[in-house]
Amino acid sequence: MRSAAYHALLWLIALVFFAPVAWIVLSAFKSRDEILAAPPKLIFQPTLDNFRALFEGNAAFATQFLNSLVLSITAVVIAVAVSFLAAYCFSRFKPKGTDFLMFLLLSVRMLPGPAVILPVFLMYAALGWKDNHVALVLFYAMFSIPFSVWILKGFLDGVSIRFDETGRANGGSWLHVIFRVVMPQVKPGLIAALIFNFIFVWNEFLFNFVIGGRTTQNIPYALAVGTYSDGGLNWTFIATLTTIYIVPPILAIYAFQKYLLVGMTFGTVRGEV
């Protein structure tokens, strides 16, 4: 009985937190009048007109959605690849001042975006990097590396160094040891770092708005500039675009949820693998 009540409470809490998301998704299938109806309509005739209007009436949508995918995936893959090698160095070779360097890396992520947007904008403007896909990818990768290094070092510290020593003693190169012996054992950490940073880049608006441009606009940019229409909030546009926008992160989180759980709890239980 107590277990059933506990699980019922968990379901209730989950439904409360999910309610705003469910309401947005339902609103995507309503007309404007039904969205603004008072009291709210829970029973209605679903329509796909909002999705047709988004795809047919917004020529930039496909480019913006593709930009979000390309910027997010490319930047995160680069960041995790670089971070894994850096974390391996910190974990295995322990250069002098490792703890302080790790603190400096993490402190970069403590800075709010508005605090660094001006120098970043001036640098990108001076170098002619505004509205450039490669420049934005490098920026997002740079911003994702500190957190990825922190996560991956924790995982690598939990892998016994005897694996490295055995691989080297049997004639394996450093590349073989790193990528064929050690990396498979920190697969949960790699996936957790990928998902966490993907969500960050996927939702990033400020830097895309300031140092991006017409050809690098992403979905958060589209939401910001398309919110108002005809003198008021365009609720059908907001609901429809948001519904499409949340699909990739939801699918990624659902597919790799067990790795995310490991990523959020790494370091709470530590032992040699």
C-alpha atoms as a PDB file:
ATOM      1  CA  MET A   1       0.000   0.000   0.000  1.00  0.00           C
ATOM      2  CA  ARG A   2       2.783   2.395   0.920  1.00  0.00           C
ATOM      3  CA  SER A   3       4.650   1.574  -2.289  1.00  0.00           C
ATOM      4  CA  ALA A   4       1.525   2.217  -4.393  1.00  0.00           C
ATOM      5  CA  ALA A   5       0.953   5.565  -2.695  1.00  0.00           C
ATOM      6  CA  TYR A   6       4.597   6.510  -3.245  1.00  0.00           C
ATOM      7  CA  HIS A   7       4.432   5.719  -6.951  1.00  0.00           C
ATOM      8  CA  ALA A   8       1.109   7.529  -7.279  1.00  0.00           C
ATOM      9  CA  LEU A   9       2.717  10.615  -5.717  1.00  0.00           C
ATOM     10  CA  LEU A  10       5.629  10.394  -8.150  1.00  0.00           C
ATOM     11  CA  TRP A  11       3.221  10.173 -11.100  1.00  0.00           C
ATOM     12  CA  LEU A  12       1.280  13.155  -9.788  1.00  0.00           C
ATOM     13  CA  ILE A  13       4.446  15.269  -9.474  1.00  0.00           C
ATOM     14  CA  ALA A  14       5.594  14.216 -12.964  1.00  0.00           C
ATOM     15  CA  LEU A  15       2.211  15.117 -14.475  1.00  0.00           C
ATOM     16  CA  VAL A  16       2.231  18.530 -12.781  1.00  0.00           C
ATOM     17  CA  PHE A  17       5.646  19.327 -14.239  1.00  0.00           C
ATOM     18  CA  PHE A  18       4.646  17.943 -17.653  1.00  0.00           C
ATOM     19  CA  ALA A  19       1.334  19.858 -17.779  1.00  0.00           C
ATOM     20  CA  PRO A  20       2.761  23.068 -19.383  1.00  0.00           C
ATOM     21  CA  VAL A  21       4.465  21.023 -22.090  1.00  0.00           C
ATOM     22  CA  ALA A  22       1.293  19.054 -22.754  1.00  0.00           C
ATOM     23  CA  TRP A  23      -0.704  22.295 -22.952  1.00  0.00           C
ATOM     24  CA  ILE A  24       1.687  23.754 -25.535  1.00  0.00           C
ATOM     25  CA  VAL A  25       1.473  20.582 -27.630  1.00  0.00           C
ATOM     26  CA  LEU A  26      -2.337  20.563 -27.457  1.00  0.00           C
ATOM     27  CA  SER A  27      -2.429  24.250 -28.402  1.00  0.00           C
ATOM     28  CA  ALA A  28      -0.506  23.469 -31.597  1.00  0.00           C
ATOM     29  CA  PHE A  29      -3.580  21.568 -32.813  1.00  0.00           C
ATOM     30  CA  LYS A  30      -6.082  24.317 -31.887  1.00  0.00           C
ATOM     31  CA  SER A  31      -7.246  27.377 -33.758  1.00  0.00           C
ATOM     32  CA  ARG A  32      -6.367  30.818 -32.401  1.00  0.00           C
ATOM     33  CA  ASP A  33      -9.898  31.283 -30.991  1.00  0.00           C
ATOM     34  CA  GLU A  34      -9.740  27.925 -29.212  1.00  0.00           C
ATOM     35  CA  ILE A  35      -6.363  28.763 -27.664  1.00  0.00           C
ATOM     36  CA  LEU A  36      -7.720  32.044 -26.288  1.00  0.00           C
ATOM     37  CA  ALA A  37     -11.083  30.596 -25.226  1.00  0.00           C
ATOM     38  CA  ALA A  38     -12.171  31.155 -21.633  1.00  0.00           C
ATOM     39  CA  PRO A  39     -12.659  28.784 -19.947  1.00  0.00           C
ATOM     40  CA  PRO A  40      -9.991  26.723 -21.734  1.00  0.00           C
ATOM     41  CA  LYS A  41     -11.232  24.049 -24.117  1.00  0.00           C
ATOM     42  CA  LEU A  42     -10.045  20.563 -23.263  1.00  0.00           C
ATOM     43  CA  ILE A  43     -12.240  18.919 -25.909  1.00  0.00           C
ATOM     44  CA  PHE A  44     -11.780  20.287 -29.417  1.00  0.00           C
ATOM     45  CA  GLN A  45     -11.468  19.291 -33.076  1.00  0.00           C
ATOM     46  CA  PRO A  46      -7.719  18.930 -33.839  1.00  0.00           C
ATOM     47  CA  THR A  47      -6.405  20.757 -36.889  1.00  0.00           C
ATOM     48  CA  LEU A  48      -3.134  20.690 -38.815  1.00  0.00           C
ATOM     49  CA  ASP A  49      -3.632  24.187 -40.221  1.00  0.00           C
ATOM     50  CA  ASN A  50      -1.030  25.632 -37.856  1.00  0.00           C
ATOM     51  CA  PHE A  51       1.632  23.226 -39.112  1.00  0.00           C
ATOM     52  CA  ARG A  52       0.710  23.929 -42.738  1.00  0.00           C
ATOM     53  CA  ALA A  53       0.965  27.661 -42.097  1.00  0.00           C
ATOM     54  CA  LEU A  54       4.376  27.222 -40.474  1.00  0.00           C
ATOM     55  CA  PHE A  55       5.852  25.124 -43.282  1.00  0.00           C
ATOM     56  CA  GLU A  56       4.201  26.967 -46.171  1.00  0.00           C
ATOM     57  CA  GLY A  57       4.112  30.519 -44.852  1.00  0.00           C
ATOM     58  CA  ASN A  58       7.541  30.691 -43.232  1.00  0.00           C
ATOM     59  CA  ALA A  59      10.214  30.222 -45.870  1.00  0.00           C
ATOM     60  CA  ALA A  60      13.039  30.557 -43.326  1.00  0.00           C
ATOM     61  CA  PHE A  61      11.787  27.795 -41.013  1.00  0.00           C
ATOM     62  CA  ALA A  62      13.530  24.900 -42.761  1.00  0.00           C
ATOM     63  CA  THR A  63      16.854  26.793 -42.771  1.00  0.00           C
ATOM     64  CA  GLN A  64      16.486  27.756 -39.114  1.00  0.00           C
ATOM     65  CA  PHE A  65      15.694  24.194 -38.063  1.00  0.00           C
ATOM     66  CA  LEU A  66      18.614  22.850 -40.096  1.00  0.00           C
ATOM     67  CA  ASN A  67      20.903  25.487 -38.566  1.00  0.00           C
ATOM     68  CA  SER A  68      19.875  24.368 -35.078  1.00  0.00           C
ATOM     69  CA  LEU A  69      20.682  20.746 -35.920  1.00  0.00           C
ATOM     70  CA  VAL A  70      23.998  21.467 -37.648  1.00  0.00           C
ATOM     71  CA  LEU A  71      25.273  23.940 -35.055  1.00  0.00           C
ATOM     72  CA  SER A  72      24.273  21.744 -32.114  1.00  0.00           C
ATOM     73  CA  ILE A  73      25.514  18.383 -33.381  1.00  0.00           C
ATOM     74  CA  THR A  74      28.765  19.646 -34.922  1.00  0.00           C
ATOM     75  CA  ALA A  75      29.751  21.828 -31.967  1.00  0.00           C
ATOM     76  CA  VAL A  76      28.997  19.139 -29.403  1.00  0.00           C
ATOM     77  CA  VAL A  77      30.878  16.393 -31.255  1.00  0.00           C
ATOM     78  CA  ILE A  78      33.952  18.639 -31.543  1.00  0.00           C
ATOM     79  CA  ALA A  79      33.679  19.681 -27.883  1.00  0.00           C
ATOM     80  CA  VAL A  80      33.385  16.122 -26.564  1.00  0.00           C
ATOM     81  CA  ALA A  81      36.251  14.864 -28.751  1.00  0.00           C
ATOM     82  CA  VAL A  82      38.574  17.609 -27.491  1.00  0.00           C
ATOM     83  CA  SER A  83      37.303  17.267 -23.923  1.00  0.00           C
ATOM     84  CA  PHE A  84      37.905  13.526 -23.813  1.00  0.00           C
ATOM     85  CA  LEU A  85      41.580  13.961 -24.730  1.00  0.00           C
ATOM     86  CA  ALA A  86      41.987  16.826 -22.258  1.00  0.00           C
ATOM     87  CA  ALA A  87      40.251  14.877 -19.493  1.00  0.00           C
ATOM     88  CA  TYR A  88      42.480  11.857 -20.198  1.00  0.00           C
ATOM     89  CA  CYS A  89      45.543  14.063 -19.794  1.00  0.00           C
ATOM     90  CA  PHE A  90      44.271  15.532 -16.514  1.00  0.00           C
ATOM     91  CA  SER A  91      43.263  12.109 -15.176  1.00  0.00           C
ATOM     92  CA  ARG A  92      46.325  10.081 -16.149  1.00  0.00           C
ATOM     93  CA  PHE A  93      49.281  12.477 -16.287  1.00  0.00           C
ATOM     94  CA  LYS A  94      48.066  14.914 -13.598  1.00  0.00           C
ATOM     95  CA  PRO A  95      50.008  17.995 -14.732  1.00  0.00           C
ATOM     96  CA  LYS A  96      51.063  20.434 -12.033  1.00  0.00           C
ATOM     97  CA  GLY A  97      48.129  22.522 -10.832  1.00  0.00           C
ATOM     98  CA  THR A  98      45.477  20.115 -12.155  1.00  0.00           C
ATOM     99  CA  ASP A  99      42.967  20.975  -9.430  1.00  0.00           C
ATOM    100  CA  PHE A 100      43.364  24.699 -10.049  1.00  0.00           C
ATOM    101  CA  LEU A 101      43.107  24.239 -13.820  1.00  0.00           C
ATOM    102  CA  MET A 102      39.908  22.224 -13.374  1.00  0.00           C
ATOM    103  CA  PHE A 103      38.517  25.008 -11.201  1.00  0.00           C
ATOM    104  CA  LEU A 104      39.379  27.579 -13.867  1.00  0.00           C
ATOM    105  CA  LEU A 105      37.695  25.463 -16.536  1.00  0.00           C
ATOM    106  CA  LEU A 106      34.495  25.129 -14.547  1.00  0.00           C
ATOM    107  CA  SER A 107      34.499  28.813 -13.574  1.00  0.00           C
ATOM    108  CA  VAL A 108      34.176  29.702 -17.278  1.00  0.00           C
ATOM    109  CA  ARG A 109      30.690  28.161 -17.213  1.00  0.00           C
ATOM    110  CA  MET A 110      29.785  30.147 -14.103  1.00  0.00           C
ATOM    111  CA  LEU A 111      29.864  33.396 -16.082  1.00  0.00           C
ATOM    112  CA  PRO A 112      26.455  34.520 -17.357  1.00  0.00           C
ATOM    113  CA  GLY A 113      26.200  35.008 -21.109  1.00  0.00           C
ATOM    114  CA  PRO A 114      25.486  38.769 -20.977  1.00  0.00           C
ATOM    115  CA  ALA A 115      28.746  39.299 -19.049  1.00  0.00           C
ATOM    116  CA  VAL A 116      30.860  38.117 -21.994  1.00  0.00           C
ATOM    117  CA  ILE A 117      28.671  38.985 -24.975  1.00  0.00           C
ATOM    118  CA  LEU A 118      30.289  42.397 -25.594  1.00  0.00           C
ATOM    119  CA  PRO A 119      33.934  41.228 -25.894  1.00  0.00           C
ATOM    120  CA  VAL A 120      32.806  38.231 -27.953  1.00  0.00           C
ATOM    121  CA  PHE A 121      30.842  40.509 -30.284  1.00  0.00           C
ATOM    122  CA  LEU A 122      33.792  42.905 -30.680  1.00  0.00           C
ATOM    123  CA  MET A 123      36.171  40.015 -31.413  1.00  0.00           C
ATOM    124  CA  TYR A 124      33.851  38.436 -33.983  1.00  0.00           C
ATOM    125  CA  ALA A 125      33.179  41.795 -35.642  1.00  0.00           C
ATOM    126  CA  ALA A 126      36.895  42.616 -35.831  1.00  0.00           C
ATOM    127  CA  LEU A 127      37.748  39.221 -37.345  1.00  0.00           C
ATOM    128  CA  GLY A 128      34.809  39.275 -39.753  1.00  0.00           C
ATOM    129  CA  TRP A 129      33.302  36.137 -38.214  1.00  0.00           C
ATOM    130  CA  LYS A 130      29.736  37.387 -37.778  1.00  0.00           C
ATOM    131  CA  ASP A 131      27.057  35.318 -39.495  1.00  0.00           C
ATOM    132  CA  ASN A 132      29.503  32.477 -40.075  1.00  0.00           C
ATOM    133  CA  HIS A 133      28.602  28.849 -39.400  1.00  0.00           C
ATOM    134  CA  VAL A 134      32.157  27.704 -38.687  1.00  0.00           C
ATOM    135  CA  ALA A 135      32.766  30.578 -36.268  1.00  0.00           C
ATOM    136  CA  LEU A 136      29.541  29.834 -34.372  1.00  0.00           C
ATOM    137  CA  VAL A 137      30.346  26.133 -34.215  1.00  0.00           C
ATOM    138  CA  LEU A 138      33.771  26.922 -32.742  1.00  0.00           C
ATOM    139  CA  PHE A 139      32.235  29.290 -30.210  1.00  0.00           C
ATOM    140  CA  TYR A 140      29.660  26.736 -29.064  1.00  0.00           C
ATOM    141  CA  ALA A 141      32.355  24.060 -28.905  1.00  0.00           C
ATOM    142  CA  MET A 142      34.545  26.361 -26.799  1.00  0.00           C
ATOM    143  CA  PHE A 143      31.667  27.031 -24.434  1.00  0.00           C
ATOM    144  CA  SER A 144      30.860  23.317 -24.143  1.00  0.00           C
ATOM    145  CA  ILE A 145      34.390  22.069 -23.492  1.00  0.00           C
ATOM    146  CA  PRO A 146      34.791  23.067 -19.785  1.00  0.00           C
ATOM    147  CA  PHE A 147      31.700  21.200 -18.599  1.00  0.00           C
ATOM    148  CA  SER A 148      32.572  18.185 -20.771  1.00  0.00           C
ATOM    149  CA  VAL A 149      36.108  18.016 -19.365  1.00  0.00           C
ATOM    150  CA  TRP A 150      34.729  18.136 -15.828  1.00  0.00           C
ATOM    151  CA  ILE A 151      32.282  15.279 -16.461  1.00  0.00           C
ATOM    152  CA  LEU A 152      34.726  13.088 -18.378  1.00  0.00           C
ATOM    153  CA  LYS A 153      37.573  13.486 -15.892  1.00  0.00           C
ATOM    154  CA  GLY A 154      35.270  12.138 -13.197  1.00  0.00           C
ATOM    155  CA  PHE A 155      34.557   9.062 -15.287  1.00  0.00           C
ATOM    156  CA  LEU A 156      38.194   8.541 -16.256  1.00  0.00           C
ATOM    157  CA  ASP A 157      39.295   8.795 -12.622  1.00  0.00           C
ATOM    158  CA  GLY A 158      37.033   5.803 -11.963  1.00  0.00           C
ATOM    159  CA  VAL A 159      38.804   3.631 -14.567  1.00  0.00           C
ATOM    160  CA  SER A 160      41.853   1.863 -13.162  1.00  0.00           C
ATOM    161  CA  ILE A 161      45.160   2.989 -14.634  1.00  0.00           C
ATOM    162  CA  ARG A 162      46.118  -0.703 -14.802  1.00  0.00           C
ATOM    163  CA  PHE A 163      44.185  -0.912 -18.070  1.00  0.00           C
ATOM    164  CA  ASP A 164      46.519   1.676 -19.582  1.00  0.00           C
ATOM    165  CA  GLU A 165      49.617  -0.042 -18.194  1.00  0.00           C
ATOM    166  CA  THR A 166      48.500  -3.450 -19.465  1.00  0.00           C
ATOM    167  CA  GLY A 167      47.777  -2.070 -22.917  1.00  0.00           C
ATOM    168  CA  ARG A 168      51.170  -0.376 -23.147  1.00  0.00           C
ATOM    169  CA  ALA A 169      52.983  -3.457 -21.786  1.00  0.00           C
ATOM    170  CA  ASN A 170      51.427  -5.566 -24.543  1.00  0.00           C
ATOM    171  CA  GLY A 171      52.698  -3.260 -27.257  1.00  0.00           C
ATOM    172  CA  GLY A 172      49.656  -1.059 -27.730  1.00  0.00           C
ATOM    173  CA  SER A 173      50.190   2.524 -28.857  1.00  0.00           C
ATOM    174  CA  TRP A 174      48.844   5.452 -26.872  1.00  0.00           C
ATOM    175  CA  LEU A 175      46.102   5.903 -29.464  1.00  0.00           C
ATOM    176  CA  HIS A 176      45.123   2.246 -29.102  1.00  0.00           C
ATOM    177  CA  VAL A 177      45.063   2.498 -25.305  1.00  0.00           C
ATOM    178  CA  ILE A 178      43.054   5.727 -25.299  1.00  0.00           C
ATOM    179  CA  PHE A 179      40.487   4.891 -27.964  1.00  0.00           C
ATOM    180  CA  ARG A 180      40.251   1.078 -27.847  1.00  0.00           C
ATOM    181  CA  VAL A 181      40.873   0.299 -24.180  1.00  0.00           C
ATOM    182  CA  VAL A 182      39.811   3.289 -22.080  1.00  0.00           C
ATOM    183  CA  MET A 183      37.182   5.082 -24.162  1.00  0.00           C
ATOM    184  CA  PRO A 184      34.675   2.168 -24.305  1.00  0.00           C
ATOM    185  CA  GLN A 185      34.661   2.102 -20.501  1.00  0.00           C
ATOM    186  CA  VAL A 186      33.579   5.742 -20.236  1.00  0.00           C
ATOM    187  CA  LYS A 187      30.848   5.461 -22.874  1.00  0.00           C
ATOM    188  CA  PRO A 188      28.136   6.604 -20.399  1.00  0.00           C
ATOM    189  CA  GLY A 189      30.148   9.733 -19.655  1.00  0.00           C
ATOM    190  CA  LEU A 190      30.649  10.505 -23.338  1.00  0.00           C
ATOM    191  CA  ILE A 191      26.937  10.174 -24.083  1.00  0.00           C
ATOM    192  CA  ALA A 192      25.979  12.189 -20.996  1.00  0.00           C
ATOM    193  CA  ALA A 193      28.344  14.983 -22.061  1.00  0.00           C
ATOM    194  CA  LEU A 194      26.930  14.871 -25.598  1.00  0.00           C
ATOM    195  CA  ILE A 195      23.317  15.130 -24.441  1.00  0.00           C
ATOM    196  CA  PHE A 196      23.892  17.833 -21.806  1.00  0.00           C
ATOM    197  CA  ASN A 197      25.818  20.027 -24.216  1.00  0.00           C
ATOM    198  CA  PHE A 198      23.413  19.324 -27.087  1.00  0.00           C
ATOM    199  CA  ILE A 199      20.572  20.671 -24.959  1.00  0.00           C
ATOM    200  CA  PHE A 200      22.604  23.782 -24.095  1.00  0.00           C
ATOM    201  CA  VAL A 201      23.500  24.589 -27.711  1.00  0.00           C
ATOM    202  CA  TRP A 202      20.025  23.629 -28.971  1.00  0.00           C
ATOM    203  CA  ASN A 203      18.417  26.175 -26.624  1.00  0.00           C
ATOM    204  CA  GLU A 204      21.028  28.950 -26.992  1.00  0.00           C
ATOM    205  CA  PHE A 205      19.617  32.259 -28.193  1.00  0.00           C
ATOM    206  CA  LEU A 206      21.727  35.216 -27.034  1.00  0.00           C
ATOM    207  CA  PHE A 207      24.974  34.537 -28.909  1.00  0.00           C
ATOM    208  CA  ASN A 208      23.175  33.389 -32.036  1.00  0.00           C
ATOM    209  CA  PHE A 209      21.188  36.624 -32.005  1.00  0.00           C
ATOM    210  CA  VAL A 210      24.233  38.877 -31.458  1.00  0.00           C
ATOM    211  CA  ILE A 211      27.083  37.230 -33.372  1.00  0.00           C
ATOM    212  CA  GLY A 212      24.948  35.274 -35.833  1.00  0.00           C
ATOM    213  CA  GLY A 213      23.020  36.641 -38.760  1.00  0.00           C
ATOM    214  CA  ARG A 214      20.536  35.892 -41.495  1.00  0.00           C
ATOM    215  CA  THR A 215      22.180  32.650 -42.638  1.00  0.00           C
ATOM    216  CA  THR A 216      22.874  31.257 -39.133  1.00  0.00           C
ATOM    217  CA  GLN A 217      19.513  31.909 -37.455  1.00  0.00           C
ATOM    218  CA  ASN A 218      18.314  29.051 -35.261  1.00  0.00           C
ATOM    219  CA  ILE A 219      14.910  28.127 -33.813  1.00  0.00           C
ATOM    220  CA  PRO A 220      15.219  30.185 -30.580  1.00  0.00           C
ATOM    221  CA  TYR A 221      15.910  33.197 -32.818  1.00  0.00           C
ATOM    222  CA  ALA A 222      12.787  32.376 -34.832  1.00  0.00           C
ATOM    223  CA  LEU A 223      10.718  32.148 -31.658  1.00  0.00           C
ATOM    224  CA  ALA A 224      12.000  35.506 -30.436  1.00  0.00           C
ATOM    225  CA  VAL A 225      11.333  37.462 -33.629  1.00  0.00           C
ATOM    226  CA  GLY A 226       8.087  35.704 -34.544  1.00  0.00           C
ATOM    227  CA  THR A 227       6.331  35.919 -31.195  1.00  0.00           C
ATOM    228  CA  TYR A 228       4.317  39.053 -32.041  1.00  0.00           C
ATOM    229  CA  SER A 229       2.006  39.292 -35.036  1.00  0.00           C
ATOM    230  CA  ASP A 230      -0.941  41.546 -35.882  1.00  0.00           C
ATOM    231  CA  GLY A 231      -0.483  43.598 -32.733  1.00  0.00           C
ATOM    232  CA  GLY A 232      -0.482  40.668 -30.292  1.00  0.00           C
ATOM    233  CA  LEU A 233       1.087  37.367 -29.353  1.00  0.00           C
ATOM    234  CA  ASN A 234       0.956  34.823 -32.162  1.00  0.00           C
ATOM    235  CA  TRP A 235      -0.013  31.859 -29.985  1.00  0.00           C
ATOM    236  CA  THR A 236      -0.529  29.450 -32.866  1.00  0.00           C
ATOM    237  CA  PHE A 237       3.007  30.150 -34.149  1.00  0.00           C
ATOM    238  CA  ILE A 238       4.512  29.823 -30.656  1.00  0.00           C
ATOM    239  CA  ALA A 239       2.715  26.552 -29.894  1.00  0.00           C
ATOM    240  CA  THR A 240       3.399  24.961 -33.274  1.00  0.00           C
ATOM    241  CA  LEU A 241       7.075  25.909 -33.470  1.00  0.00           C
ATOM    242  CA  THR A 242       7.667  24.889 -29.844  1.00  0.00           C
ATOM    243  CA  THR A 243       6.019  21.511 -30.430  1.00  0.00           C
ATOM    244  CA  ILE A 244       8.344  20.789 -33.359  1.00  0.00           C
ATOM    245  CA  TYR A 245      11.327  22.259 -31.528  1.00  0.00           C
ATOM    246  CA  ILE A 246      11.086  20.002 -28.453  1.00  0.00           C
ATOM    247  CA  VAL A 247      10.934  16.758 -30.440  1.00  0.00           C
ATOM    248  CA  PRO A 248      14.720  16.224 -31.013  1.00  0.00           C
ATOM    249  CA  PRO A 249      15.729  16.801 -27.349  1.00  0.00           C
ATOM    250  CA  ILE A 250      12.894  14.584 -26.106  1.00  0.00           C
ATOM    251  CA  LEU A 251      13.916  11.773 -28.454  1.00  0.00           C
ATOM    252  CA  ALA A 252      17.580  12.137 -27.458  1.00  0.00           C
ATOM    253  CA  ILE A 253      16.782  12.141 -23.733  1.00  0.00           C
ATOM    254  CA  TYR A 254      14.424   9.166 -24.065  1.00  0.00           C
ATOM    255  CA  ALA A 255      16.954   7.141 -26.043  1.00  0.00           C
ATOM    256  CA  PHE A 256      19.856   7.831 -23.664  1.00  0.00           C
ATOM    257  CA  GLN A 257      18.089   8.404 -20.339  1.00  0.00           C
ATOM    258  CA  LYS A 258      20.102   5.741 -18.491  1.00  0.00           C
ATOM    259  CA  TYR A 259      23.339   7.493 -19.487  1.00  0.00           C
ATOM    260  CA  LEU A 260      21.967  10.842 -18.341  1.00  0.00           C
ATOM    261  CA  LEU A 261      21.230   9.337 -14.930  1.00  0.00           C
ATOM    262  CA  VAL A 262      24.832   8.131 -14.709  1.00  0.00           C
ATOM    263  CA  GLY A 263      26.069  11.550 -15.824  1.00  0.00           C
ATOM    264  CA  MET A 264      24.076  13.355 -13.150  1.00  0.00           C
ATOM    265  CA  THR A 265      25.247  11.037 -10.368  1.00  0.00           C
ATOM    266  CA  PHE A 266      28.896  10.496 -11.358  1.00  0.00           C
ATOM    267  CA  GLY A 267      31.262  10.900  -8.450  1.00  0.00           C
ATOM    268  CA  THR A 268      28.631  10.060  -5.820  1.00  0.00           C
ATOM    269  CA  VAL A 269      29.823   6.457  -5.848  1.00  0.00           C
ATOM    270  CA  ARG A 270      33.420   6.044  -6.880  1.00  0.00           C
ATOM    271  CA  GLY A 271      35.388   2.873  -7.263  1.00  0.00           C
ATOM    272  CA  GLU A 272      37.867   1.319  -9.602  1.00  0.00           C
ATOM    273  CA  VAL A 273      36.477  -0.336 -12.705  1.00  0.00           C
END
